[in-house]
N, C-alpha and C. Protein backbone atom coordinates (compact mmCIF):
# COMPACT_ATOMS: atom_id res chain seq x y z
N MET A 1 -6.03 25.07 31.71
CA MET A 1 -4.84 24.39 31.16
C MET A 1 -5.22 23.61 29.92
N SER A 2 -4.42 23.74 28.91
CA SER A 2 -4.63 23.01 27.66
C SER A 2 -4.28 21.54 27.88
N THR A 3 -5.07 20.64 27.35
CA THR A 3 -4.80 19.21 27.50
C THR A 3 -3.69 18.76 26.58
N LEU A 4 -3.69 19.26 25.33
CA LEU A 4 -2.74 18.80 24.33
C LEU A 4 -2.27 19.99 23.51
N LEU A 5 -0.97 20.21 23.44
CA LEU A 5 -0.44 21.31 22.66
C LEU A 5 0.65 20.82 21.73
N TYR A 6 0.65 21.34 20.51
CA TYR A 6 1.69 21.05 19.54
C TYR A 6 2.60 22.27 19.46
N VAL A 7 3.90 22.04 19.28
CA VAL A 7 4.82 23.16 19.11
C VAL A 7 5.68 22.92 17.89
N ALA A 8 5.88 23.98 17.11
CA ALA A 8 6.71 23.86 15.93
C ALA A 8 7.74 24.98 15.86
N GLN A 9 7.77 25.82 16.87
CA GLN A 9 8.68 26.95 16.87
C GLN A 9 9.49 26.96 18.17
N ALA A 10 10.28 28.02 18.33
CA ALA A 10 11.21 28.08 19.46
C ALA A 10 10.58 28.67 20.71
N ASP A 11 9.31 28.35 21.00
CA ASP A 11 8.66 28.86 22.19
C ASP A 11 8.33 27.71 23.14
N SER A 12 9.24 26.74 23.20
CA SER A 12 8.98 25.51 23.93
C SER A 12 8.66 25.73 25.40
N ILE A 13 9.41 26.58 26.09
CA ILE A 13 9.19 26.78 27.52
C ILE A 13 7.82 27.41 27.77
N HIS A 14 7.50 28.46 27.02
CA HIS A 14 6.22 29.13 27.18
C HIS A 14 5.06 28.17 26.92
N THR A 15 5.16 27.38 25.87
CA THR A 15 4.10 26.46 25.51
C THR A 15 3.97 25.34 26.54
N ALA A 16 5.08 24.81 26.99
CA ALA A 16 5.06 23.67 27.91
C ALA A 16 4.38 24.02 29.23
N ARG A 17 4.46 25.28 29.65
CA ARG A 17 3.88 25.67 30.93
C ARG A 17 2.37 25.54 30.94
N SER A 18 1.73 25.52 29.78
CA SER A 18 0.27 25.47 29.73
C SER A 18 -0.25 24.16 29.16
N ALA A 19 0.61 23.14 29.12
CA ALA A 19 0.19 21.87 28.52
C ALA A 19 0.30 20.72 29.51
N SER A 20 -0.56 19.70 29.32
CA SER A 20 -0.39 18.47 30.08
C SER A 20 0.22 17.39 29.20
N ILE A 21 0.04 17.52 27.89
CA ILE A 21 0.77 16.69 26.93
C ILE A 21 1.42 17.63 25.93
N PHE A 22 2.70 17.44 25.71
CA PHE A 22 3.47 18.33 24.84
C PHE A 22 3.99 17.52 23.66
N VAL A 23 3.50 17.83 22.46
CA VAL A 23 3.91 17.12 21.26
C VAL A 23 4.75 18.05 20.41
N ASP A 24 6.06 17.77 20.30
CA ASP A 24 6.88 18.64 19.47
C ASP A 24 6.74 18.18 18.02
N ARG A 25 6.23 19.06 17.18
CA ARG A 25 5.98 18.73 15.78
C ARG A 25 6.61 19.81 14.90
N GLY A 26 7.90 20.08 15.12
CA GLY A 26 8.61 20.97 14.24
C GLY A 26 8.75 20.33 12.88
N TRP A 27 9.27 21.06 11.91
CA TRP A 27 9.40 20.49 10.57
C TRP A 27 10.27 19.25 10.59
N ASP A 28 11.17 19.16 11.55
CA ASP A 28 11.96 17.94 11.68
C ASP A 28 12.29 17.72 13.15
N PHE A 29 12.79 16.54 13.45
CA PHE A 29 13.15 16.15 14.81
C PHE A 29 14.16 17.13 15.40
N GLN A 30 15.03 17.65 14.55
CA GLN A 30 16.09 18.52 15.02
C GLN A 30 15.55 19.86 15.52
N SER A 31 14.65 20.48 14.78
CA SER A 31 14.12 21.77 15.21
C SER A 31 13.12 21.64 16.35
N GLY A 32 12.44 20.50 16.43
CA GLY A 32 11.48 20.30 17.51
C GLY A 32 12.08 19.65 18.72
N GLY A 33 12.70 18.48 18.54
CA GLY A 33 13.21 17.70 19.66
C GLY A 33 14.32 18.38 20.43
N TYR A 34 15.27 18.98 19.73
CA TYR A 34 16.40 19.62 20.40
C TYR A 34 15.93 20.80 21.26
N LEU A 35 14.99 21.59 20.73
CA LEU A 35 14.48 22.74 21.47
C LEU A 35 13.69 22.29 22.70
N THR A 36 12.91 21.24 22.52
CA THR A 36 12.12 20.75 23.64
C THR A 36 13.00 20.20 24.75
N LEU A 37 14.06 19.50 24.37
CA LEU A 37 15.00 18.99 25.37
C LEU A 37 15.63 20.13 26.15
N ALA A 38 16.02 21.20 25.45
CA ALA A 38 16.61 22.36 26.12
C ALA A 38 15.61 22.99 27.09
N ALA A 39 14.34 23.06 26.69
CA ALA A 39 13.31 23.62 27.56
C ALA A 39 13.11 22.75 28.79
N LYS A 40 13.05 21.44 28.59
CA LYS A 40 12.83 20.53 29.71
C LYS A 40 13.95 20.63 30.73
N GLN A 41 15.17 20.82 30.26
CA GLN A 41 16.32 20.91 31.16
C GLN A 41 16.29 22.18 32.01
N GLN A 42 15.50 23.18 31.58
CA GLN A 42 15.42 24.44 32.32
C GLN A 42 14.20 24.53 33.23
N MET A 43 13.34 23.53 33.20
CA MET A 43 12.10 23.58 33.97
C MET A 43 12.09 22.54 35.07
N SER A 44 11.51 22.89 36.19
CA SER A 44 11.45 21.96 37.31
C SER A 44 10.42 20.86 37.08
N THR A 45 9.34 21.19 36.40
CA THR A 45 8.34 20.20 36.02
C THR A 45 8.05 20.36 34.53
N PHE A 46 7.69 19.27 33.91
CA PHE A 46 7.47 19.29 32.46
C PHE A 46 6.33 18.35 32.12
N PRO A 47 5.46 18.72 31.17
CA PRO A 47 4.34 17.84 30.80
C PRO A 47 4.81 16.57 30.11
N VAL A 48 3.89 15.66 29.92
CA VAL A 48 4.20 14.44 29.17
C VAL A 48 4.69 14.85 27.78
N TRP A 49 5.83 14.33 27.39
CA TRP A 49 6.46 14.76 26.14
C TRP A 49 6.39 13.65 25.09
N VAL A 50 5.76 13.98 23.96
CA VAL A 50 5.73 13.10 22.80
C VAL A 50 6.69 13.68 21.76
N ALA A 51 7.81 13.02 21.55
CA ALA A 51 8.78 13.46 20.53
C ALA A 51 8.37 12.87 19.19
N ALA A 52 8.08 13.73 18.23
CA ALA A 52 7.58 13.28 16.93
C ALA A 52 8.65 13.37 15.85
N ASN A 53 8.83 12.27 15.16
CA ASN A 53 9.82 12.15 14.09
C ASN A 53 9.08 12.29 12.75
N LEU A 54 9.28 13.40 12.03
CA LEU A 54 8.49 13.67 10.83
C LEU A 54 8.96 12.95 9.59
N GLY A 55 10.11 12.32 9.63
CA GLY A 55 10.56 11.66 8.40
C GLY A 55 11.89 10.97 8.56
N SER A 56 12.92 11.60 8.03
CA SER A 56 14.24 10.96 7.98
C SER A 56 15.15 11.43 9.11
N ASP A 57 14.58 12.06 10.11
CA ASP A 57 15.37 12.79 11.11
C ASP A 57 16.34 11.91 11.88
N ILE A 58 15.95 10.69 12.19
CA ILE A 58 16.83 9.76 12.88
C ILE A 58 17.67 8.98 11.87
N TYR A 59 17.01 8.47 10.86
CA TYR A 59 17.67 7.63 9.86
C TYR A 59 18.87 8.35 9.22
N HIS A 60 18.69 9.59 8.86
CA HIS A 60 19.75 10.34 8.18
C HIS A 60 20.76 10.93 9.16
N PHE A 61 20.28 11.59 10.21
CA PHE A 61 21.17 12.36 11.07
C PHE A 61 21.97 11.51 12.05
N GLN A 62 21.60 10.25 12.22
CA GLN A 62 22.36 9.40 13.13
C GLN A 62 23.80 9.19 12.67
N GLN A 63 24.08 9.43 11.40
CA GLN A 63 25.43 9.21 10.87
C GLN A 63 26.40 10.32 11.27
N TYR A 64 25.87 11.43 11.79
CA TYR A 64 26.72 12.55 12.20
C TYR A 64 26.91 12.50 13.71
N PRO A 65 28.14 12.36 14.21
CA PRO A 65 28.38 12.16 15.64
C PRO A 65 27.68 13.17 16.55
N ASP A 66 27.73 14.46 16.22
CA ASP A 66 27.11 15.46 17.09
C ASP A 66 25.60 15.26 17.14
N HIS A 67 24.99 15.07 15.98
CA HIS A 67 23.54 14.85 15.95
C HIS A 67 23.17 13.54 16.63
N ARG A 68 23.97 12.52 16.44
CA ARG A 68 23.67 11.22 17.03
C ARG A 68 23.57 11.33 18.55
N GLU A 69 24.49 12.06 19.16
CA GLU A 69 24.46 12.21 20.61
C GLU A 69 23.25 13.01 21.07
N ARG A 70 22.89 14.04 20.31
CA ARG A 70 21.72 14.85 20.67
C ARG A 70 20.43 14.05 20.49
N ILE A 71 20.36 13.26 19.44
CA ILE A 71 19.21 12.39 19.22
C ILE A 71 19.06 11.41 20.38
N LYS A 72 20.16 10.84 20.81
CA LYS A 72 20.12 9.89 21.93
C LYS A 72 19.63 10.56 23.21
N ARG A 73 20.02 11.82 23.42
CA ARG A 73 19.56 12.53 24.62
C ARG A 73 18.06 12.80 24.55
N VAL A 74 17.58 13.16 23.38
CA VAL A 74 16.14 13.39 23.22
C VAL A 74 15.37 12.11 23.48
N LEU A 75 15.82 11.01 22.91
CA LEU A 75 15.12 9.74 23.06
C LEU A 75 15.16 9.22 24.49
N ALA A 76 16.20 9.58 25.20
CA ALA A 76 16.29 9.17 26.61
C ALA A 76 15.38 10.01 27.50
N ALA A 77 15.06 11.23 27.05
CA ALA A 77 14.30 12.15 27.90
C ALA A 77 12.80 12.18 27.61
N CYS A 78 12.38 11.82 26.40
CA CYS A 78 10.96 11.91 26.05
C CYS A 78 10.17 10.76 26.69
N ASP A 79 8.87 10.98 26.85
CA ASP A 79 8.00 9.96 27.42
C ASP A 79 7.45 9.01 26.35
N TYR A 80 7.21 9.57 25.18
CA TYR A 80 6.69 8.79 24.06
C TYR A 80 7.40 9.21 22.77
N TYR A 81 7.42 8.30 21.83
CA TYR A 81 8.05 8.57 20.54
C TYR A 81 7.06 8.24 19.43
N ALA A 82 6.81 9.22 18.53
CA ALA A 82 5.88 9.02 17.42
C ALA A 82 6.62 9.15 16.10
N CYS A 83 6.38 8.22 15.19
CA CYS A 83 7.05 8.27 13.89
C CYS A 83 6.18 7.60 12.84
N GLU A 84 6.61 7.65 11.57
CA GLU A 84 5.81 7.11 10.49
C GLU A 84 6.44 5.90 9.80
N CYS A 85 7.54 5.39 10.35
CA CYS A 85 8.19 4.22 9.76
C CYS A 85 8.54 3.20 10.84
N HIS A 86 8.27 1.94 10.59
CA HIS A 86 8.71 0.89 11.51
C HIS A 86 10.24 0.87 11.58
N ARG A 87 10.86 1.24 10.50
CA ARG A 87 12.32 1.37 10.47
C ARG A 87 12.82 2.27 11.60
N ASP A 88 12.11 3.37 11.83
CA ASP A 88 12.57 4.34 12.82
C ASP A 88 12.29 3.90 14.25
N VAL A 89 11.29 3.05 14.45
CA VAL A 89 11.06 2.49 15.79
C VAL A 89 12.27 1.66 16.19
N LEU A 90 12.75 0.83 15.28
CA LEU A 90 13.94 0.01 15.56
C LEU A 90 15.16 0.89 15.82
N LEU A 91 15.32 1.93 15.00
CA LEU A 91 16.45 2.84 15.18
C LEU A 91 16.37 3.54 16.53
N ALA A 92 15.17 4.01 16.88
CA ALA A 92 15.00 4.72 18.16
C ALA A 92 15.35 3.82 19.33
N ASN A 93 14.90 2.57 19.28
CA ASN A 93 15.23 1.63 20.36
C ASN A 93 16.73 1.40 20.44
N ASN A 94 17.38 1.29 19.29
CA ASN A 94 18.83 1.08 19.27
C ASN A 94 19.59 2.31 19.75
N LEU A 95 18.96 3.48 19.61
CA LEU A 95 19.61 4.72 20.03
C LEU A 95 19.26 5.10 21.46
N GLY A 96 18.57 4.22 22.17
CA GLY A 96 18.37 4.43 23.61
C GLY A 96 17.02 4.97 24.02
N LEU A 97 15.97 4.79 23.22
CA LEU A 97 14.64 5.24 23.62
C LEU A 97 14.24 4.59 24.93
N LYS A 98 13.87 5.41 25.91
CA LYS A 98 13.47 4.88 27.21
C LYS A 98 11.95 4.88 27.38
N GLY A 99 11.26 5.76 26.63
CA GLY A 99 9.80 5.82 26.71
C GLY A 99 9.17 4.79 25.79
N ASP A 100 7.88 4.97 25.54
CA ASP A 100 7.14 4.04 24.69
C ASP A 100 7.00 4.59 23.27
N SER A 101 6.99 3.69 22.30
CA SER A 101 6.71 4.07 20.92
C SER A 101 5.21 4.03 20.69
N LEU A 102 4.68 5.07 20.07
CA LEU A 102 3.27 5.09 19.70
C LEU A 102 3.09 4.33 18.38
N PRO A 103 1.88 3.90 18.08
CA PRO A 103 1.64 3.18 16.82
C PRO A 103 2.15 3.98 15.62
N VAL A 104 2.79 3.31 14.69
CA VAL A 104 3.34 3.97 13.50
C VAL A 104 2.18 4.50 12.65
N THR A 105 2.24 5.80 12.35
CA THR A 105 1.18 6.47 11.61
C THR A 105 1.78 7.50 10.67
N PRO A 106 1.30 7.60 9.42
CA PRO A 106 1.79 8.66 8.54
C PRO A 106 1.58 10.04 9.18
N ILE A 107 2.62 10.82 9.26
CA ILE A 107 2.53 12.13 9.90
C ILE A 107 1.50 13.01 9.22
N ALA A 108 1.35 12.88 7.91
CA ALA A 108 0.39 13.71 7.18
C ALA A 108 -1.05 13.27 7.37
N GLY A 109 -1.27 12.17 8.08
CA GLY A 109 -2.62 11.67 8.31
C GLY A 109 -3.05 10.68 7.25
N GLY A 110 -4.35 10.44 7.16
CA GLY A 110 -4.88 9.45 6.24
C GLY A 110 -5.36 10.04 4.93
N LEU A 111 -5.95 9.17 4.10
CA LEU A 111 -6.44 9.56 2.78
C LEU A 111 -7.96 9.38 2.73
N ARG A 112 -8.63 10.32 2.09
CA ARG A 112 -10.08 10.23 1.91
C ARG A 112 -10.36 9.56 0.56
N PHE A 113 -10.51 8.26 0.57
CA PHE A 113 -10.67 7.52 -0.68
C PHE A 113 -11.98 7.82 -1.38
N ASP A 114 -12.99 8.26 -0.63
CA ASP A 114 -14.27 8.55 -1.27
C ASP A 114 -14.21 9.80 -2.14
N THR A 115 -13.13 10.57 -2.01
CA THR A 115 -12.99 11.78 -2.83
C THR A 115 -12.04 11.56 -4.00
N LEU A 116 -11.44 10.37 -4.08
CA LEU A 116 -10.45 10.10 -5.13
C LEU A 116 -11.08 9.36 -6.30
N PRO A 117 -10.69 9.70 -7.52
CA PRO A 117 -11.14 8.93 -8.67
C PRO A 117 -10.50 7.54 -8.65
N ALA A 118 -11.14 6.58 -9.29
CA ALA A 118 -10.62 5.21 -9.29
C ALA A 118 -9.26 5.12 -9.98
N THR A 119 -9.08 5.88 -11.05
CA THR A 119 -7.81 5.86 -11.78
C THR A 119 -7.49 7.26 -12.28
N VAL A 120 -6.28 7.44 -12.75
CA VAL A 120 -5.86 8.69 -13.38
C VAL A 120 -5.50 8.37 -14.83
N PRO A 121 -5.40 9.38 -15.69
CA PRO A 121 -5.04 9.13 -17.10
C PRO A 121 -3.74 8.33 -17.20
N PRO A 122 -3.64 7.44 -18.20
CA PRO A 122 -2.44 6.59 -18.36
C PRO A 122 -1.13 7.37 -18.34
N SER A 123 -1.11 8.55 -18.95
CA SER A 123 0.13 9.32 -19.02
C SER A 123 0.59 9.82 -17.65
N GLN A 124 -0.31 9.78 -16.66
CA GLN A 124 0.02 10.29 -15.32
C GLN A 124 0.18 9.15 -14.32
N ARG A 125 0.33 7.93 -14.79
CA ARG A 125 0.31 6.79 -13.88
C ARG A 125 1.69 6.27 -13.51
N ARG A 126 2.69 7.12 -13.59
CA ARG A 126 4.02 6.79 -13.06
C ARG A 126 4.48 7.99 -12.25
N CYS A 127 5.10 7.73 -11.14
CA CYS A 127 5.64 8.84 -10.35
C CYS A 127 7.04 8.47 -9.87
N ILE A 128 7.91 9.47 -9.81
CA ILE A 128 9.28 9.26 -9.34
C ILE A 128 9.50 10.17 -8.14
N ALA A 129 9.98 9.61 -7.06
CA ALA A 129 10.33 10.38 -5.87
C ALA A 129 11.70 9.91 -5.40
N VAL A 130 12.71 10.67 -5.72
CA VAL A 130 14.09 10.29 -5.41
C VAL A 130 14.70 11.33 -4.48
N SER A 131 15.17 10.90 -3.34
CA SER A 131 15.75 11.83 -2.36
C SER A 131 16.89 11.16 -1.61
N VAL A 132 17.73 11.97 -1.02
CA VAL A 132 18.85 11.45 -0.23
C VAL A 132 18.32 10.69 0.97
N THR A 133 17.24 11.17 1.55
CA THR A 133 16.67 10.51 2.72
C THR A 133 15.22 10.96 2.88
N ASP A 134 14.40 10.12 3.48
CA ASP A 134 12.99 10.45 3.66
C ASP A 134 12.38 9.49 4.66
N GLY A 135 11.20 9.85 5.16
CA GLY A 135 10.40 8.93 5.92
C GLY A 135 9.42 8.33 4.93
N ILE A 136 8.14 8.38 5.23
CA ILE A 136 7.15 8.05 4.22
C ILE A 136 7.06 9.24 3.28
N SER A 137 7.12 8.97 2.01
CA SER A 137 6.92 10.03 1.02
C SER A 137 5.42 10.21 0.84
N THR A 138 4.89 11.33 1.35
CA THR A 138 3.45 11.58 1.25
C THR A 138 3.00 11.65 -0.20
N SER A 139 3.82 12.27 -1.04
CA SER A 139 3.46 12.36 -2.46
C SER A 139 3.39 10.97 -3.09
N MET A 140 4.24 10.05 -2.62
CA MET A 140 4.21 8.69 -3.13
C MET A 140 2.90 8.00 -2.75
N LEU A 141 2.49 8.13 -1.49
CA LEU A 141 1.25 7.50 -1.04
C LEU A 141 0.05 8.06 -1.79
N GLU A 142 0.04 9.39 -1.98
CA GLU A 142 -1.07 10.02 -2.70
C GLU A 142 -1.11 9.54 -4.15
N ALA A 143 0.07 9.44 -4.77
CA ALA A 143 0.13 8.97 -6.15
C ALA A 143 -0.33 7.52 -6.25
N MET A 144 0.10 6.68 -5.32
CA MET A 144 -0.32 5.27 -5.31
C MET A 144 -1.83 5.16 -5.17
N ALA A 145 -2.42 6.01 -4.33
CA ALA A 145 -3.86 5.98 -4.13
C ALA A 145 -4.62 6.35 -5.41
N MET A 146 -3.97 7.10 -6.28
CA MET A 146 -4.57 7.50 -7.56
C MET A 146 -4.26 6.51 -8.67
N GLY A 147 -3.56 5.41 -8.35
CA GLY A 147 -3.27 4.40 -9.34
C GLY A 147 -1.94 4.54 -10.03
N ALA A 148 -1.11 5.49 -9.58
CA ALA A 148 0.19 5.68 -10.21
C ALA A 148 1.20 4.65 -9.70
N PHE A 149 2.15 4.32 -10.53
CA PHE A 149 3.18 3.33 -10.21
C PHE A 149 4.39 4.08 -9.64
N PRO A 150 4.78 3.80 -8.39
CA PRO A 150 5.86 4.55 -7.76
C PRO A 150 7.26 4.02 -8.07
N ILE A 151 8.15 4.94 -8.35
CA ILE A 151 9.58 4.63 -8.45
C ILE A 151 10.23 5.48 -7.36
N GLN A 152 10.63 4.84 -6.28
CA GLN A 152 10.99 5.53 -5.05
C GLN A 152 12.39 5.14 -4.60
N SER A 153 13.15 6.12 -4.14
CA SER A 153 14.49 5.83 -3.63
C SER A 153 14.40 4.94 -2.39
N ASN A 154 15.36 4.04 -2.25
CA ASN A 154 15.34 3.09 -1.13
C ASN A 154 15.81 3.71 0.18
N THR A 155 16.02 5.02 0.19
CA THR A 155 16.37 5.73 1.41
C THR A 155 15.13 6.06 2.23
N ALA A 156 13.96 5.96 1.62
CA ALA A 156 12.72 6.14 2.36
C ALA A 156 12.25 4.78 2.86
N CYS A 157 11.13 4.74 3.54
CA CYS A 157 10.64 3.44 4.03
C CYS A 157 9.52 2.93 3.12
N ALA A 158 9.69 3.13 1.81
CA ALA A 158 8.70 2.69 0.84
C ALA A 158 8.54 1.18 0.84
N ASP A 159 9.58 0.46 1.26
CA ASP A 159 9.48 -1.00 1.31
C ASP A 159 8.46 -1.48 2.33
N GLU A 160 7.98 -0.57 3.19
CA GLU A 160 6.92 -0.91 4.13
C GLU A 160 5.54 -0.79 3.48
N TRP A 161 5.52 -0.30 2.22
CA TRP A 161 4.25 -0.05 1.55
C TRP A 161 4.07 -0.83 0.25
N PHE A 162 5.15 -1.25 -0.37
CA PHE A 162 5.01 -2.08 -1.55
C PHE A 162 6.22 -2.99 -1.70
N THR A 163 6.01 -4.10 -2.43
CA THR A 163 7.09 -5.04 -2.72
C THR A 163 7.79 -4.59 -3.98
N ASP A 164 9.12 -4.49 -3.91
CA ASP A 164 9.90 -4.06 -5.07
C ASP A 164 9.63 -4.96 -6.27
N GLY A 165 9.31 -4.34 -7.41
CA GLY A 165 9.04 -5.10 -8.62
C GLY A 165 7.60 -5.53 -8.77
N VAL A 166 6.79 -5.32 -7.72
CA VAL A 166 5.38 -5.70 -7.77
C VAL A 166 4.49 -4.46 -7.67
N GLY A 167 4.60 -3.76 -6.55
CA GLY A 167 3.79 -2.56 -6.35
C GLY A 167 4.51 -1.29 -6.75
N GLY A 168 5.78 -1.41 -7.10
CA GLY A 168 6.59 -0.24 -7.47
C GLY A 168 8.03 -0.68 -7.63
N PHE A 169 8.90 0.28 -7.85
CA PHE A 169 10.33 0.00 -7.94
C PHE A 169 11.08 0.81 -6.87
N LEU A 170 11.99 0.13 -6.16
CA LEU A 170 12.90 0.79 -5.25
C LEU A 170 14.22 0.99 -5.97
N VAL A 171 14.79 2.19 -5.87
CA VAL A 171 16.02 2.49 -6.61
C VAL A 171 17.04 3.17 -5.71
N ASP A 172 18.30 3.04 -6.08
CA ASP A 172 19.38 3.79 -5.45
C ASP A 172 19.31 5.21 -5.96
N GLN A 173 19.23 6.17 -5.06
CA GLN A 173 19.03 7.56 -5.47
C GLN A 173 20.19 8.11 -6.29
N ASN A 174 21.34 7.45 -6.21
CA ASN A 174 22.52 7.93 -6.94
C ASN A 174 22.77 7.21 -8.26
N ASP A 175 21.97 6.19 -8.54
CA ASP A 175 22.18 5.38 -9.74
C ASP A 175 21.24 5.83 -10.85
N VAL A 176 21.69 6.79 -11.64
CA VAL A 176 20.86 7.37 -12.69
C VAL A 176 20.47 6.31 -13.72
N ASP A 177 21.37 5.41 -14.04
CA ASP A 177 21.09 4.38 -15.04
C ASP A 177 19.96 3.45 -14.59
N ILE A 178 19.98 3.06 -13.33
CA ILE A 178 18.92 2.19 -12.79
C ILE A 178 17.59 2.93 -12.77
N ILE A 179 17.62 4.18 -12.36
CA ILE A 179 16.39 4.98 -12.33
C ILE A 179 15.79 5.07 -13.73
N ALA A 180 16.63 5.35 -14.72
CA ALA A 180 16.17 5.45 -16.11
C ALA A 180 15.61 4.11 -16.60
N ALA A 181 16.28 3.02 -16.25
CA ALA A 181 15.83 1.70 -16.68
C ALA A 181 14.49 1.34 -16.06
N ARG A 182 14.32 1.66 -14.77
CA ARG A 182 13.06 1.34 -14.09
C ARG A 182 11.92 2.19 -14.66
N LEU A 183 12.21 3.44 -14.96
CA LEU A 183 11.18 4.29 -15.55
C LEU A 183 10.77 3.77 -16.92
N SER A 184 11.75 3.39 -17.72
CA SER A 184 11.46 2.85 -19.05
C SER A 184 10.61 1.58 -18.94
N HIS A 185 10.95 0.73 -17.96
CA HIS A 185 10.18 -0.50 -17.74
C HIS A 185 8.74 -0.17 -17.41
N ALA A 186 8.55 0.77 -16.48
CA ALA A 186 7.20 1.13 -16.06
C ALA A 186 6.40 1.75 -17.20
N LEU A 187 7.06 2.52 -18.04
CA LEU A 187 6.38 3.16 -19.17
C LEU A 187 5.94 2.17 -20.22
N CYS A 188 6.65 1.06 -20.31
CA CYS A 188 6.39 0.07 -21.37
C CYS A 188 5.52 -1.10 -20.91
N ASP A 189 5.28 -1.23 -19.62
CA ASP A 189 4.58 -2.41 -19.10
C ASP A 189 3.28 -1.99 -18.41
N ASP A 190 2.22 -1.83 -19.22
CA ASP A 190 0.94 -1.40 -18.66
C ASP A 190 0.35 -2.45 -17.72
N ASN A 191 0.60 -3.71 -17.99
CA ASN A 191 0.08 -4.77 -17.12
C ASN A 191 0.68 -4.67 -15.72
N LEU A 192 1.98 -4.40 -15.65
CA LEU A 192 2.64 -4.20 -14.35
C LEU A 192 2.00 -3.05 -13.59
N VAL A 193 1.77 -1.95 -14.29
CA VAL A 193 1.20 -0.75 -13.66
C VAL A 193 -0.24 -1.01 -13.22
N ASP A 194 -1.03 -1.68 -14.05
CA ASP A 194 -2.42 -1.97 -13.70
C ASP A 194 -2.51 -2.89 -12.49
N THR A 195 -1.67 -3.91 -12.47
CA THR A 195 -1.67 -4.86 -11.34
C THR A 195 -1.24 -4.15 -10.05
N ALA A 196 -0.20 -3.33 -10.15
CA ALA A 196 0.28 -2.60 -8.98
C ALA A 196 -0.79 -1.66 -8.44
N ALA A 197 -1.54 -1.03 -9.33
CA ALA A 197 -2.58 -0.09 -8.91
C ALA A 197 -3.62 -0.79 -8.04
N ARG A 198 -4.02 -1.99 -8.45
CA ARG A 198 -5.02 -2.73 -7.66
C ARG A 198 -4.45 -3.15 -6.30
N ILE A 199 -3.24 -3.65 -6.30
CA ILE A 199 -2.60 -4.09 -5.05
C ILE A 199 -2.39 -2.90 -4.10
N ASN A 200 -1.87 -1.82 -4.64
CA ASN A 200 -1.52 -0.67 -3.80
C ASN A 200 -2.75 -0.01 -3.20
N ARG A 201 -3.80 0.10 -3.96
CA ARG A 201 -5.00 0.74 -3.43
C ARG A 201 -5.57 -0.07 -2.27
N THR A 202 -5.53 -1.39 -2.39
CA THR A 202 -5.98 -2.24 -1.29
C THR A 202 -5.10 -2.05 -0.06
N THR A 203 -3.78 -2.00 -0.26
CA THR A 203 -2.84 -1.79 0.84
C THR A 203 -3.10 -0.47 1.55
N LEU A 204 -3.36 0.57 0.79
CA LEU A 204 -3.48 1.91 1.35
C LEU A 204 -4.76 2.13 2.13
N HIS A 205 -5.72 1.24 2.03
CA HIS A 205 -6.95 1.43 2.78
C HIS A 205 -6.73 1.35 4.29
N LYS A 206 -5.58 0.85 4.70
CA LYS A 206 -5.29 0.85 6.15
C LYS A 206 -5.02 2.25 6.66
N ILE A 207 -4.80 3.21 5.75
CA ILE A 207 -4.64 4.60 6.20
C ILE A 207 -5.82 5.45 5.71
N ASP A 208 -6.99 4.84 5.66
CA ASP A 208 -8.21 5.61 5.43
C ASP A 208 -8.30 6.72 6.48
N TYR A 209 -8.70 7.90 6.07
CA TYR A 209 -8.69 9.08 6.95
C TYR A 209 -9.41 8.84 8.27
N ASP A 210 -10.62 8.33 8.20
CA ASP A 210 -11.40 8.12 9.43
C ASP A 210 -10.75 7.09 10.34
N ARG A 211 -10.16 6.06 9.76
CA ARG A 211 -9.48 5.04 10.57
C ARG A 211 -8.28 5.64 11.29
N VAL A 212 -7.47 6.42 10.55
CA VAL A 212 -6.29 7.04 11.16
C VAL A 212 -6.70 8.02 12.26
N ALA A 213 -7.71 8.83 11.98
CA ALA A 213 -8.18 9.81 12.97
C ALA A 213 -8.66 9.11 14.24
N ASN A 214 -9.40 8.02 14.08
CA ASN A 214 -9.91 7.28 15.22
C ASN A 214 -8.77 6.65 16.03
N ASP A 215 -7.78 6.10 15.32
CA ASP A 215 -6.64 5.49 16.00
C ASP A 215 -5.85 6.53 16.78
N LEU A 216 -5.64 7.72 16.18
CA LEU A 216 -4.91 8.78 16.88
C LEU A 216 -5.67 9.26 18.10
N HIS A 217 -6.98 9.36 17.97
CA HIS A 217 -7.81 9.77 19.11
C HIS A 217 -7.64 8.78 20.27
N LYS A 218 -7.70 7.50 19.96
CA LYS A 218 -7.53 6.47 20.99
C LYS A 218 -6.14 6.54 21.62
N THR A 219 -5.14 6.79 20.78
CA THR A 219 -3.76 6.84 21.28
C THR A 219 -3.60 7.95 22.31
N PHE A 220 -4.08 9.15 21.97
CA PHE A 220 -3.90 10.27 22.90
C PHE A 220 -4.83 10.18 24.10
N GLN A 221 -5.97 9.55 23.93
CA GLN A 221 -6.83 9.31 25.09
C GLN A 221 -6.13 8.39 26.08
N SER A 222 -5.41 7.39 25.58
CA SER A 222 -4.71 6.47 26.47
C SER A 222 -3.59 7.17 27.21
N ILE A 223 -2.95 8.14 26.56
CA ILE A 223 -1.88 8.90 27.23
C ILE A 223 -2.45 9.79 28.32
N LEU A 224 -3.64 10.34 28.08
CA LEU A 224 -4.25 11.26 29.04
C LEU A 224 -4.72 10.59 30.31
N ARG A 225 -4.97 9.29 30.23
CA ARG A 225 -5.49 8.59 31.42
C ARG A 225 -4.45 8.53 32.53
C-alpha cells in the first residue's frame, strides 16, 4: 500500500483504494476536490484526505452559489486543508471546514537562493502580474527574489508578502490608470526599487527550498502517525 498519493485526474476511486493519505492536487480545487468528494461518497472506507487549494479556488468561486455549496461540502468532508494564503484559511473556516488546516505553504514549493544572482539588470527590475483572481503569484515571488519590484493585483494574497508602497504596489486589476501610474512611479524611482529589493529578499528567505521541504516532511509525518 502506498503511504501518500497525489491525484490530479479523474481516477480518484482507483487511486484512493491504494493510499493511506490522499492529497488531491488537481490544477484547481474544483477539478480535484469535487472529484474526490464524489469518490468518497461512493466508497465504504476512504484514506485520510488532504484537500489542496492551489490558488484562488475558494476566494473566487465562493461568489457563485452552486460552487459555494460544493466548496462547503468538500471542506466539511476532508480531513485536512492545505493552501498557500492565510486569506484562504479564514475563508475555509467561514465556509465550514471541519478538519484541520495545514501550515500555509506556497504550492510551488520554495526557492533555491544559492542559485539566484543577487540582482538582475535595471531594465528587468519591475514586474506586473494582474489577474482577476489568484493565490500566491509564483511568478511574483520569483521576480521578487531576483530583485524585481512587483506591481500585483490586490485579488491575490500579495499583501501577505509585501507592504503596499514599500515592497511593491497593490493595484485594482480593472483600473488601467492606476496600473499605469504605479508602473511609471516604479520606473522613475530607483531608490524605491532598490530598497524594496533588499526588504523583499529578506522576507522571502522564509520560503528557502530546504526549509519548505523540511516543513512539509514534518507535516506529513505528523499526519501519518
